[in-house]
PDB file of N, CA and C in Angstrom:
ATOM      1  N   MET A   1       5.215  -4.702  15.857  1.00  0.00           N
ATOM      2  CA  MET A   1       4.947  -4.738  14.429  1.00  0.00           C
ATOM      3  C   MET A   1       4.907  -6.197  13.980  1.00  0.00           C
ATOM      4  N   SER A   2       3.929  -6.523  13.160  1.00  0.00           N
ATOM      5  CA  SER A   2       3.776  -7.904  12.715  1.00  0.00           C
ATOM      6  C   SER A   2       4.821  -8.282  11.675  1.00  0.00           C
ATOM      7  N   LYS A   3       5.056  -9.573  11.521  1.00  0.00           N
ATOM      8  CA  LYS A   3       5.996 -10.071  10.512  1.00  0.00           C
ATOM      9  C   LYS A   3       5.527  -9.703   9.116  1.00  0.00           C
ATOM     10  N   VAL A   4       4.217  -9.672   8.905  1.00  0.00           N
ATOM     11  CA  VAL A   4       3.650  -9.313   7.600  1.00  0.00           C
ATOM     12  C   VAL A   4       4.015  -7.872   7.259  1.00  0.00           C
ATOM     13  N   VAL A   5       3.854  -6.963   8.217  1.00  0.00           N
ATOM     14  CA  VAL A   5       4.180  -5.559   7.983  1.00  0.00           C
ATOM     15  C   VAL A   5       5.677  -5.398   7.737  1.00  0.00           C
ATOM     16  N   THR A   6       6.497  -6.070   8.519  1.00  0.00           N
ATOM     17  CA  THR A   6       7.946  -5.990   8.337  1.00  0.00           C
ATOM     18  C   THR A   6       8.358  -6.458   6.944  1.00  0.00           C
ATOM     19  N   ALA A   7       7.833  -7.582   6.512  1.00  0.00           N
ATOM     20  CA  ALA A   7       8.155  -8.105   5.175  1.00  0.00           C
ATOM     21  C   ALA A   7       7.641  -7.171   4.081  1.00  0.00           C
ATOM     22  N   ALA A   8       6.453  -6.603   4.282  1.00  0.00           N
ATOM     23  CA  ALA A   8       5.882  -5.695   3.288  1.00  0.00           C
ATOM     24  C   ALA A   8       6.700  -4.417   3.166  1.00  0.00           C
ATOM     25  N   VAL A   9       7.187  -3.890   4.281  1.00  0.00           N
ATOM     26  CA  VAL A   9       8.025  -2.689   4.249  1.00  0.00           C
ATOM     27  C   VAL A   9       9.276  -2.958   3.417  1.00  0.00           C
ATOM     28  N   GLU A  10       9.910  -4.102   3.635  1.00  0.00           N
ATOM     29  CA  GLU A  10      11.106  -4.460   2.868  1.00  0.00           C
ATOM     30  C   GLU A  10      10.797  -4.555   1.376  1.00  0.00           C
ATOM     31  N   LYS A  11       9.723  -5.244   1.032  1.00  0.00           N
ATOM     32  CA  LYS A  11       9.344  -5.431  -0.364  1.00  0.00           C
ATOM     33  C   LYS A  11       9.002  -4.097  -1.034  1.00  0.00           C
ATOM     34  N   LEU A  12       8.235  -3.255  -0.339  1.00  0.00           N
ATOM     35  CA  LEU A  12       7.868  -1.956  -0.900  1.00  0.00           C
ATOM     36  C   LEU A  12       9.081  -1.050  -1.062  1.00  0.00           C
ATOM     37  N   ASN A  13      10.035  -1.110  -0.144  1.00  0.00           N
ATOM     38  CA  ASN A  13      11.266  -0.320  -0.292  1.00  0.00           C
ATOM     39  C   ASN A  13      12.021  -0.730  -1.542  1.00  0.00           C
ATOM     40  N   GLU A  14      12.017  -2.030  -1.866  1.00  0.00           N
ATOM     41  CA  GLU A  14      12.666  -2.503  -3.092  1.00  0.00           C
ATOM     42  C   GLU A  14      11.949  -1.969  -4.324  1.00  0.00           C
ATOM     43  N   LYS A  15      10.611  -1.955  -4.294  1.00  0.00           N
ATOM     44  CA  LYS A  15       9.817  -1.568  -5.460  1.00  0.00           C
ATOM     45  C   LYS A  15       9.711  -0.059  -5.631  1.00  0.00           C
ATOM     46  N   ILE A  16       9.550   0.672  -4.535  1.00  0.00           N
ATOM     47  CA  ILE A  16       9.215   2.087  -4.631  1.00  0.00           C
ATOM     48  C   ILE A  16      10.323   3.005  -4.143  1.00  0.00           C
ATOM     49  N   GLY A  17      10.877   2.711  -2.975  1.00  0.00           N
ATOM     50  CA  GLY A  17      11.808   3.658  -2.375  1.00  0.00           C
ATOM     51  C   GLY A  17      11.038   4.859  -1.879  1.00  0.00           C
ATOM     52  N   SER A  18      11.360   6.048  -2.399  1.00  0.00           N
ATOM     53  CA  SER A  18      10.636   7.242  -1.968  1.00  0.00           C
ATOM     54  C   SER A  18       9.477   7.520  -2.916  1.00  0.00           C
ATOM     55  N   PHE A  19       8.534   8.309  -2.438  1.00  0.00           N
ATOM     56  CA  PHE A  19       7.300   8.592  -3.161  1.00  0.00           C
ATOM     57  C   PHE A  19       6.965  10.057  -2.920  1.00  0.00           C
ATOM     58  N   GLY A  20       6.619  10.790  -3.960  1.00  0.00           N
ATOM     59  CA  GLY A  20       6.402  12.231  -3.865  1.00  0.00           C
ATOM     60  C   GLY A  20       5.201  12.662  -3.044  1.00  0.00           C
ATOM     61  N   SER A  21       4.284  11.762  -2.772  1.00  0.00           N
ATOM     62  CA  SER A  21       3.081  12.074  -1.991  1.00  0.00           C
ATOM     63  C   SER A  21       3.087  11.204  -0.736  1.00  0.00           C
ATOM     64  N   THR A  22       1.986  11.220   0.011  1.00  0.00           N
ATOM     65  CA  THR A  22       1.890  10.350   1.183  1.00  0.00           C
ATOM     66  C   THR A  22       0.738   9.371   0.996  1.00  0.00           C
ATOM     67  N   ALA A  23       1.042   8.112   1.245  1.00  0.00           N
ATOM     68  CA  ALA A  23       0.039   7.057   1.132  1.00  0.00           C
ATOM     69  C   ALA A  23       0.185   6.118   2.319  1.00  0.00           C
ATOM     70  N   LYS A  24      -0.937   5.516   2.686  1.00  0.00           N
ATOM     71  CA  LYS A  24      -0.927   4.561   3.790  1.00  0.00           C
ATOM     72  C   LYS A  24      -1.636   3.294   3.337  1.00  0.00           C
ATOM     73  N   PHE A  25      -0.989   2.147   3.544  1.00  0.00           N
ATOM     74  CA  PHE A  25      -1.608   0.840   3.339  1.00  0.00           C
ATOM     75  C   PHE A  25      -2.016   0.317   4.700  1.00  0.00           C
ATOM     76  N   VAL A  26      -3.273  -0.032   4.851  1.00  0.00           N
ATOM     77  CA  VAL A  26      -3.739  -0.677   6.077  1.00  0.00           C
ATOM     78  C   VAL A  26      -4.013  -2.130   5.729  1.00  0.00           C
ATOM     79  N   ILE A  27      -3.271  -3.022   6.366  1.00  0.00           N
ATOM     80  CA  ILE A  27      -3.450  -4.456   6.159  1.00  0.00           C
ATOM     81  C   ILE A  27      -4.293  -4.955   7.328  1.00  0.00           C
ATOM     82  N   GLU A  28      -5.503  -5.408   7.026  1.00  0.00           N
ATOM     83  CA  GLU A  28      -6.445  -5.805   8.066  1.00  0.00           C
ATOM     84  C   GLU A  28      -5.823  -6.806   9.034  1.00  0.00           C
ATOM     85  N   ASP A  29      -5.969  -6.546  10.323  1.00  0.00           N
ATOM     86  CA  ASP A  29      -5.489  -7.395  11.420  1.00  0.00           C
ATOM     87  C   ASP A  29      -3.965  -7.501  11.503  1.00  0.00           C
ATOM     88  N   GLU A  30      -3.228  -6.649  10.755  1.00  0.00           N
ATOM     89  CA  GLU A  30      -1.764  -6.718  10.774  1.00  0.00           C
ATOM     90  C   GLU A  30      -1.126  -5.386  11.167  1.00  0.00           C
ATOM     91  N   GLY A  31      -1.588  -4.283  10.571  1.00  0.00           N
ATOM     92  CA  GLY A  31      -1.000  -2.981  10.855  1.00  0.00           C
ATOM     93  C   GLY A  31      -1.021  -2.092   9.634  1.00  0.00           C
ATOM     94  N   ALA A  32      -0.267  -0.987   9.715  1.00  0.00           N
ATOM     95  CA  ALA A  32      -0.259  -0.003   8.638  1.00  0.00           C
ATOM     96  C   ALA A  32       1.159   0.314   8.198  1.00  0.00           C
ATOM     97  N   ILE A  33       1.264   0.707   6.939  1.00  0.00           N
ATOM     98  CA  ILE A  33       2.543   1.042   6.319  1.00  0.00           C
ATOM     99  C   ILE A  33       2.412   2.412   5.670  1.00  0.00           C
ATOM    100  N   MET A  34       3.369   3.272   5.907  1.00  0.00           N
ATOM    101  CA  MET A  34       3.398   4.606   5.318  1.00  0.00           C
ATOM    102  C   MET A  34       4.407   4.643   4.168  1.00  0.00           C
ATOM    103  N   ILE A  35       4.030   5.354   3.108  1.00  0.00           N
ATOM    104  CA  ILE A  35       4.923   5.571   1.971  1.00  0.00           C
ATOM    105  C   ILE A  35       4.948   7.072   1.726  1.00  0.00           C
ATOM    106  N   ASP A  36       6.163   7.666   1.748  1.00  0.00           N
ATOM    107  CA  ASP A  36       6.284   9.106   1.538  1.00  0.00           C
ATOM    108  C   ASP A  36       7.657   9.433   0.979  1.00  0.00           C
ATOM    109  N   GLU A  37       8.020  10.715   1.009  1.00  0.00           N
ATOM    110  CA  GLU A  37       9.301  11.144   0.431  1.00  0.00           C
ATOM    111  C   GLU A  37      10.500  10.552   1.168  1.00  0.00           C
ATOM    112  N   ASN A  38      10.294  10.075   2.381  1.00  0.00           N
ATOM    113  CA  ASN A  38      11.378   9.465   3.158  1.00  0.00           C
ATOM    114  C   ASN A  38      11.489   7.964   2.931  1.00  0.00           C
ATOM    115  N   GLY A  39      10.594   7.393   2.123  1.00  0.00           N
ATOM    116  CA  GLY A  39      10.619   5.961   1.864  1.00  0.00           C
ATOM    117  C   GLY A  39       9.410   5.253   2.457  1.00  0.00           C
ATOM    118  N   VAL A  40       9.610   4.000   2.799  1.00  0.00           N
ATOM    119  CA  VAL A  40       8.532   3.154   3.306  1.00  0.00           C
ATOM    120  C   VAL A  40       8.865   2.755   4.744  1.00  0.00           C
ATOM    121  N   HIS A  41       7.872   2.868   5.626  1.00  0.00           N
ATOM    122  CA  HIS A  41       8.080   2.477   7.020  1.00  0.00           C
ATOM    123  C   HIS A  41       6.746   2.098   7.656  1.00  0.00           C
ATOM    124  N   ALA A  42       6.817   1.333   8.715  1.00  0.00           N
ATOM    125  CA  ALA A  42       5.605   1.008   9.476  1.00  0.00           C
ATOM    126  C   ALA A  42       5.146   2.287  10.159  1.00  0.00           C
ATOM    127  N   GLY A  43       3.850   2.538  10.138  1.00  0.00           N
ATOM    128  CA  GLY A  43       3.331   3.735  10.785  1.00  0.00           C
ATOM    129  C   GLY A  43       1.870   3.927  10.459  1.00  0.00           C
ATOM    130  N   ASP A  44       1.250   4.844  11.179  1.00  0.00           N
ATOM    131  CA  ASP A  44      -0.172   5.080  11.001  1.00  0.00           C
ATOM    132  C   ASP A  44      -0.460   6.576  11.088  1.00  0.00           C
ATOM    133  N   GLU A  45       0.285   7.361  10.302  1.00  0.00           N
ATOM    134  CA  GLU A  45       0.085   8.803  10.294  1.00  0.00           C
ATOM    135  C   GLU A  45      -0.982   9.185   9.265  1.00  0.00           C
ATOM    136  N   GLU A  46      -1.293  10.471   9.219  1.00  0.00           N
ATOM    137  CA  GLU A  46      -2.213  10.995   8.209  1.00  0.00           C
ATOM    138  C   GLU A  46      -1.563  10.844   6.834  1.00  0.00           C
ATOM    139  N   ALA A  47      -2.388  10.588   5.822  1.00  0.00           N
ATOM    140  CA  ALA A  47      -1.876  10.431   4.456  1.00  0.00           C
ATOM    141  C   ALA A  47      -2.882  11.018   3.472  1.00  0.00           C
ATOM    142  N   GLU A  48      -2.398  11.338   2.271  1.00  0.00           N
ATOM    143  CA  GLU A  48      -3.279  11.859   1.231  1.00  0.00           C
ATOM    144  C   GLU A  48      -4.262  10.794   0.757  1.00  0.00           C
ATOM    145  N   VAL A  49      -3.831   9.532   0.814  1.00  0.00           N
ATOM    146  CA  VAL A  49      -4.704   8.430   0.422  1.00  0.00           C
ATOM    147  C   VAL A  49      -4.433   7.242   1.338  1.00  0.00           C
ATOM    148  N   THR A  50      -5.498   6.536   1.692  1.00  0.00           N
ATOM    149  CA  THR A  50      -5.384   5.325   2.499  1.00  0.00           C
ATOM    150  C   THR A  50      -5.976   4.175   1.711  1.00  0.00           C
ATOM    151  N   LEU A  51      -5.198   3.098   1.595  1.00  0.00           N
ATOM    152  CA  LEU A  51      -5.646   1.896   0.905  1.00  0.00           C
ATOM    153  C   LEU A  51      -5.771   0.789   1.937  1.00  0.00           C
ATOM    154  N   LYS A  52      -6.898   0.086   1.935  1.00  0.00           N
ATOM    155  CA  LYS A  52      -7.151  -0.947   2.932  1.00  0.00           C
ATOM    156  C   LYS A  52      -7.481  -2.253   2.223  1.00  0.00           C
ATOM    157  N   ALA A  53      -6.818  -3.324   2.655  1.00  0.00           N
ATOM    158  CA  ALA A  53      -7.054  -4.634   2.047  1.00  0.00           C
ATOM    159  C   ALA A  53      -6.713  -5.731   3.053  1.00  0.00           C
ATOM    160  N   SER A  54      -7.162  -6.934   2.742  1.00  0.00           N
ATOM    161  CA  SER A  54      -6.788  -8.092   3.553  1.00  0.00           C
ATOM    162  C   SER A  54      -5.320  -8.419   3.300  1.00  0.00           C
ATOM    163  N   ARG A  55      -4.773  -9.241   4.155  1.00  0.00           N
ATOM    164  CA  ARG A  55      -3.388  -9.672   3.981  1.00  0.00           C
ATOM    165  C   ARG A  55      -3.210 -10.373   2.634  1.00  0.00           C
ATOM    166  N   GLU A  56      -4.144 -11.231   2.276  1.00  0.00           N
ATOM    167  CA  GLU A  56      -4.044 -11.993   1.033  1.00  0.00           C
ATOM    168  C   GLU A  56      -4.061 -11.078  -0.185  1.00  0.00           C
ATOM    169  N   THR A  57      -4.963 -10.103  -0.189  1.00  0.00           N
ATOM    170  CA  THR A  57      -5.040  -9.168  -1.311  1.00  0.00           C
ATOM    171  C   THR A  57      -3.773  -8.325  -1.393  1.00  0.00           C
ATOM    172  N   PHE A  58      -3.317  -7.821  -0.260  1.00  0.00           N
ATOM    173  CA  PHE A  58      -2.111  -7.001  -0.235  1.00  0.00           C
ATOM    174  C   PHE A  58      -0.900  -7.782  -0.739  1.00  0.00           C
ATOM    175  N   GLU A  59      -0.739  -9.021  -0.268  1.00  0.00           N
ATOM    176  CA  GLU A  59       0.387  -9.843  -0.724  1.00  0.00           C
ATOM    177  C   GLU A  59       0.293 -10.107  -2.223  1.00  0.00           C
ATOM    178  N   GLY A  60      -0.924 -10.310  -2.733  1.00  0.00           N
ATOM    179  CA  GLY A  60      -1.115 -10.516  -4.162  1.00  0.00           C
ATOM    180  C   GLY A  60      -0.729  -9.295  -4.976  1.00  0.00           C
ATOM    181  N   ILE A  61      -1.062  -8.109  -4.471  1.00  0.00           N
ATOM    182  CA  ILE A  61      -0.671  -6.877  -5.157  1.00  0.00           C
ATOM    183  C   ILE A  61       0.847  -6.766  -5.188  1.00  0.00           C
ATOM    184  N   LEU A  62       1.500  -7.078  -4.078  1.00  0.00           N
ATOM    185  CA  LEU A  62       2.959  -6.983  -4.018  1.00  0.00           C
ATOM    186  C   LEU A  62       3.659  -7.983  -4.932  1.00  0.00           C
ATOM    187  N   ASN A  63       3.134  -9.211  -5.018  1.00  0.00           N
ATOM    188  CA  ASN A  63       3.830 -10.208  -5.833  1.00  0.00           C
ATOM    189  C   ASN A  63       3.344 -10.238  -7.280  1.00  0.00           C
ATOM    190  N   GLY A  64       2.367  -9.380  -7.602  1.00  0.00           N
ATOM    191  CA  GLY A  64       1.916  -9.257  -8.979  1.00  0.00           C
ATOM    192  C   GLY A  64       0.798 -10.193  -9.390  1.00  0.00           C
ATOM    193  N   SER A  65       0.317 -11.040  -8.474  1.00  0.00           N
ATOM    194  CA  SER A  65      -0.751 -11.971  -8.835  1.00  0.00           C
ATOM    195  C   SER A  65      -2.139 -11.331  -8.742  1.00  0.00           C
ATOM    196  N   VAL A  66      -2.223 -10.149  -8.107  1.00  0.00           N
ATOM    197  CA  VAL A  66      -3.490  -9.432  -7.997  1.00  0.00           C
ATOM    198  C   VAL A  66      -3.309  -8.042  -8.615  1.00  0.00           C
ATOM    199  N   ASN A  67      -4.168  -7.698  -9.553  1.00  0.00           N
ATOM    200  CA  ASN A  67      -4.149  -6.380 -10.173  1.00  0.00           C
ATOM    201  C   ASN A  67      -4.834  -5.397  -9.230  1.00  0.00           C
ATOM    202  N   PRO A  68      -4.156  -4.289  -8.858  1.00  0.00           N
ATOM    203  CA  PRO A  68      -4.761  -3.345  -7.918  1.00  0.00           C
ATOM    204  C   PRO A  68      -6.091  -2.769  -8.411  1.00  0.00           C
ATOM    205  N   THR A  69      -6.199  -2.481  -9.706  1.00  0.00           N
ATOM    206  CA  THR A  69      -7.448  -1.933 -10.244  1.00  0.00           C
ATOM    207  C   THR A  69      -8.574  -2.939 -10.122  1.00  0.00           C
ATOM    208  N   THR A  70      -8.294  -4.191 -10.449  1.00  0.00           N
ATOM    209  CA  THR A  70      -9.299  -5.243 -10.325  1.00  0.00           C
ATOM    210  C   THR A  70      -9.701  -5.425  -8.864  1.00  0.00           C
ATOM    211  N   ALA A  71      -8.723  -5.399  -7.961  1.00  0.00           N
ATOM    212  CA  ALA A  71      -9.011  -5.535  -6.535  1.00  0.00           C
ATOM    213  C   ALA A  71      -9.934  -4.408  -6.072  1.00  0.00           C
ATOM    214  N   PHE A  72      -9.686  -3.193  -6.553  1.00  0.00           N
ATOM    215  CA  PHE A  72     -10.534  -2.059  -6.191  1.00  0.00           C
ATOM    216  C   PHE A  72     -11.946  -2.228  -6.751  1.00  0.00           C
ATOM    217  N   MET A  73     -12.031  -2.605  -8.023  1.00  0.00           N
ATOM    218  CA  MET A  73     -13.334  -2.735  -8.679  1.00  0.00           C
ATOM    219  C   MET A  73     -14.183  -3.856  -8.070  1.00  0.00           C
ATOM    220  N   THR A  74     -13.534  -4.872  -7.506  1.00  0.00           N
ATOM    221  CA  THR A  74     -14.275  -5.988  -6.910  1.00  0.00           C
ATOM    222  C   THR A  74     -14.471  -5.821  -5.405  1.00  0.00           C
ATOM    223  N   GLY A  75     -14.030  -4.690  -4.855  1.00  0.00           N
ATOM    224  CA  GLY A  75     -14.233  -4.415  -3.441  1.00  0.00           C
ATOM    225  C   GLY A  75     -13.207  -5.030  -2.507  1.00  0.00           C
ATOM    226  N   LYS A  76     -12.171  -5.653  -3.050  1.00  0.00           N
ATOM    227  CA  LYS A  76     -11.140  -6.252  -2.198  1.00  0.00           C
ATOM    228  C   LYS A  76     -10.126  -5.222  -1.711  1.00  0.00           C
ATOM    229  N   LEU A  77     -10.042  -4.093  -2.422  1.00  0.00           N
ATOM    230  CA  LEU A  77      -9.164  -2.992  -2.047  1.00  0.00           C
ATOM    231  C   LEU A  77     -10.039  -1.752  -1.908  1.00  0.00           C
ATOM    232  N   LYS A  78      -9.992  -1.141  -0.727  1.00  0.00           N
ATOM    233  CA  LYS A  78     -10.776   0.065  -0.481  1.00  0.00           C
ATOM    234  C   LYS A  78      -9.825   1.258  -0.460  1.00  0.00           C
ATOM    235  N   ILE A  79     -10.253   2.341  -1.109  1.00  0.00           N
ATOM    236  CA  ILE A  79      -9.419   3.535  -1.213  1.00  0.00           C
ATOM    237  C   ILE A  79     -10.185   4.711  -0.637  1.00  0.00           C
ATOM    238  N   ASP A  80      -9.526   5.450   0.260  1.00  0.00           N
ATOM    239  CA  ASP A  80     -10.124   6.633   0.855  1.00  0.00           C
ATOM    240  C   ASP A  80      -9.139   7.789   0.690  1.00  0.00           C
ATOM    241  N   GLY A  81      -9.570   8.832   0.008  1.00  0.00           N
ATOM    242  CA  GLY A  81      -8.697   9.988  -0.176  1.00  0.00           C
ATOM    243  C   GLY A  81      -8.464  10.288  -1.642  1.00  0.00           C
ATOM    244  N   ASN A  82      -7.298  10.818  -1.937  1.00  0.00           N
ATOM    245  CA  ASN A  82      -6.944  11.310  -3.254  1.00  0.00           C
ATOM    246  C   ASN A  82      -6.728  10.163  -4.249  1.00  0.00           C
ATOM    247  N   MET A  83      -7.656  10.008  -5.181  1.00  0.00           N
ATOM    248  CA  MET A  83      -7.575   8.919  -6.165  1.00  0.00           C
ATOM    249  C   MET A  83      -6.372   9.087  -7.095  1.00  0.00           C
ATOM    250  N   GLY A  84      -5.973  10.321  -7.377  1.00  0.00           N
ATOM    251  CA  GLY A  84      -4.799  10.560  -8.213  1.00  0.00           C
ATOM    252  C   GLY A  84      -3.535   9.998  -7.568  1.00  0.00           C
ATOM    253  N   VAL A  85      -3.398  10.185  -6.270  1.00  0.00           N
ATOM    254  CA  VAL A  85      -2.241   9.640  -5.541  1.00  0.00           C
ATOM    255  C   VAL A  85      -2.296   8.118  -5.552  1.00  0.00           C
ATOM    256  N   ALA A  86      -3.492   7.562  -5.406  1.00  0.00           N
ATOM    257  CA  ALA A  86      -3.643   6.105  -5.460  1.00  0.00           C
ATOM    258  C   ALA A  86      -3.193   5.578  -6.827  1.00  0.00           C
ATOM    259  N   MET A  87      -3.531   6.291  -7.886  1.00  0.00           N
ATOM    260  CA  MET A  87      -3.130   5.865  -9.225  1.00  0.00           C
ATOM    261  C   MET A  87      -1.611   5.966  -9.410  1.00  0.00           C
ATOM    262  N   GLN A  88      -1.005   7.016  -8.879  1.00  0.00           N
ATOM    263  CA  GLN A  88       0.459   7.153  -8.934  1.00  0.00           C
ATOM    264  C   GLN A  88       1.126   5.987  -8.208  1.00  0.00           C
ATOM    265  N   LEU A  89       0.573   5.618  -7.074  1.00  0.00           N
ATOM    266  CA  LEU A  89       1.116   4.514  -6.298  1.00  0.00           C
ATOM    267  C   LEU A  89       0.974   3.203  -7.074  1.00  0.00           C
ATOM    268  N   GLY A  90      -0.173   3.018  -7.717  1.00  0.00           N
ATOM    269  CA  GLY A  90      -0.380   1.824  -8.536  1.00  0.00           C
ATOM    270  C   GLY A  90       0.642   1.725  -9.649  1.00  0.00           C
ATOM    271  N   GLN A  91       0.970   2.839 -10.283  1.00  0.00           N
ATOM    272  CA  GLN A  91       1.991   2.840 -11.341  1.00  0.00           C
ATOM    273  C   GLN A  91       3.363   2.536 -10.763  1.00  0.00           C
ATOM    274  N   ALA A  92       3.654   3.070  -9.583  1.00  0.00           N
ATOM    275  CA  ALA A  92       4.949   2.819  -8.957  1.00  0.00           C
ATOM    276  C   ALA A  92       5.118   1.344  -8.578  1.00  0.00           C
ATOM    277  N   LEU A  93       4.010   0.672  -8.276  1.00  0.00           N
ATOM    278  CA  LEU A  93       4.066  -0.733  -7.894  1.00  0.00           C
ATOM    279  C   LEU A  93       4.172  -1.660  -9.105  1.00  0.00           C
ATOM    280  N   SER A  94       3.868  -1.155 -10.289  1.00  0.00           N
ATOM    281  CA  SER A  94       3.888  -2.012 -11.491  1.00  0.00           C
ATOM    282  C   SER A  94       5.296  -2.337 -11.923  1.00  0.00           C
TER     283      SER A  94
END
């Protein structure tokens, strides 16, 4: 597991903890992170929604310098799956 994924798991656990649905963040060239009712962990299982972004975009979303909606609208964040779950996740990250 990359240092980026490890740091992101820690940060997301602080922000979200558990989540009622399943979501996966894929950080290009780094790995994947799962968010579900058990919390946040490194993994690449099936999810209701998958969000894919570069390391820079993902770090910006986590530290608040990048708005997830803007990232999606400009093509920096790609979403595949349930858009409602993606929106719930966006609210949880705010």
